[in-house]
Protein backbone atom coordinates (compact mmCIF):
# COMPACT_ATOMS: atom_id res chain seq x y z
CA MET A 1 -8.49 5.42 5.13
CA ALA A 2 -7.68 3.93 1.66
CA GLU A 3 -10.51 2.98 -0.79
CA ILE A 4 -10.24 -0.86 -1.16
CA SER A 5 -12.56 -2.36 -3.31
CA GLY A 6 -13.25 -6.31 -3.06
CA HIS A 7 -13.38 -9.06 -0.08
CA ASN A 8 -9.65 -8.66 1.07
CA ASP A 9 -9.13 -5.43 2.60
CA VAL A 10 -5.57 -5.50 3.47
CA ILE A 11 -2.76 -4.29 1.37
CA GLN A 12 -0.85 -6.87 -0.64
CA PRO A 13 3.06 -6.62 -0.99
CA CYS A 14 2.33 -6.62 -4.98
CA GLN A 15 0.25 -3.40 -4.44
CA CYS A 16 2.92 -1.52 -2.08
CA ARG A 17 5.55 -2.00 -4.71
CA ALA A 18 3.23 -0.83 -7.45
CA ALA A 19 1.66 2.09 -5.41
CA ARG A 20 5.35 3.13 -4.96
CA GLY A 21 6.16 2.81 -8.52
CA LEU A 22 2.96 5.00 -9.32
CA LEU A 23 4.19 7.76 -7.00
CA ASP A 24 7.91 7.28 -7.62
CA TRP A 25 8.56 6.93 -4.19
CA THR A 26 11.39 4.82 -2.28
CA GLN A 27 10.91 2.40 0.57
CA ASP A 28 12.20 5.26 2.41
CA HIS A 29 9.59 7.85 1.30
CA LEU A 30 6.85 5.31 2.18
CA ALA A 31 8.55 4.45 5.49
CA HIS A 32 8.50 8.02 6.51
CA ALA A 33 5.19 8.98 5.06
CA ALA A 34 3.64 5.96 6.96
CA GLY A 35 5.63 6.36 10.16
CA VAL A 36 7.15 3.00 10.02
CA SER A 37 10.81 1.77 9.48
CA ARG A 38 12.33 1.17 6.23
CA SER A 39 12.99 -2.58 7.10
CA THR A 40 9.06 -2.92 7.83
CA ILE A 41 8.40 -1.91 4.28
CA ARG A 42 11.39 -3.86 2.77
CA ASP A 43 10.35 -7.14 4.69
CA PHE A 44 6.73 -6.91 3.82
CA GLU A 45 7.30 -6.17 0.32
CA SER A 46 9.76 -9.04 -0.06
CA GLY A 47 7.25 -11.32 1.60
CA ARG A 48 9.33 -12.16 4.60
CA HIS A 49 6.89 -11.04 7.11
CA ALA A 50 3.19 -10.16 7.06
CA LEU A 51 2.17 -6.68 8.49
CA GLN A 52 0.11 -6.32 11.83
CA ARG A 53 -3.24 -4.80 10.55
CA SER A 54 -2.30 -1.44 12.50
CA THR A 55 0.97 -1.30 10.37
CA ALA A 56 -1.11 -2.23 7.25
CA LYS A 57 -3.42 0.99 8.11
CA LEU A 58 -0.59 3.20 8.50
CA ILE A 59 0.50 2.29 5.14
CA GLU A 60 -2.69 2.34 3.51
CA THR A 61 -3.26 5.80 4.74
CA ALA A 62 -0.35 7.22 3.70
CA LEU A 63 -0.93 6.00 0.19
CA ASP A 64 -4.02 7.01 0.04
CA GLU A 65 -3.35 10.63 1.18
CA ALA A 66 -0.96 10.43 -1.70
CA GLY A 67 -3.96 9.63 -4.08
CA VAL A 68 -3.66 5.81 -4.44
CA VAL A 69 -6.58 3.49 -4.63
CA LEU A 70 -5.89 -0.11 -4.00
CA LEU A 71 -8.10 -2.44 -6.09
CA ASN A 72 -8.64 -5.85 -4.60
CA ALA A 73 -11.23 -7.26 -6.92
CA GLU A 74 -11.13 -11.08 -5.84
CA ALA A 75 -11.91 -12.52 -9.39
CA GLU A 76 -9.90 -10.07 -11.37
CA GLY A 77 -6.82 -9.63 -9.07
CA PHE A 78 -5.14 -7.13 -7.16
CA GLY A 79 -4.16 -3.55 -8.51
CA VAL A 80 -3.62 0.10 -7.65
CA ARG A 81 -4.51 3.03 -9.41
CA LEU A 82 -4.06 6.87 -9.05
CA ALA A 83 -7.34 8.62 -8.06
CA ALA A 84 -8.79 11.35 -9.94
CA ALA A 85 -7.72 14.74 -8.70
CA ARG A 86 -9.82 15.71 -5.29
C-alpha cells in the first residue's frame, strides 16, 4: 500500500497527475498498471468524478510499486516524491 502521510489518506487528482509526470507515464500506462480503465484515470484527474475507495487503492498500489510516495500533509498541501531506492 502506498505510503501516505497526513490525515487525508486518499489520492487526490493533482497527486495522480504529478505522480505520472515523475514516472513519465501516460494515463494508459497507469491504467494498465492499476488494472483500471483509461477513462477512470482521465475522469478522476480532470475532476469529473471521485474514485471508489477500492479503485483508489489500486491506483495507489500501482504508484507505490513504481516508487512514488504520496504526501498529504494537511497544513502544507498535497504532494508526491520518488522513494529512495529500496
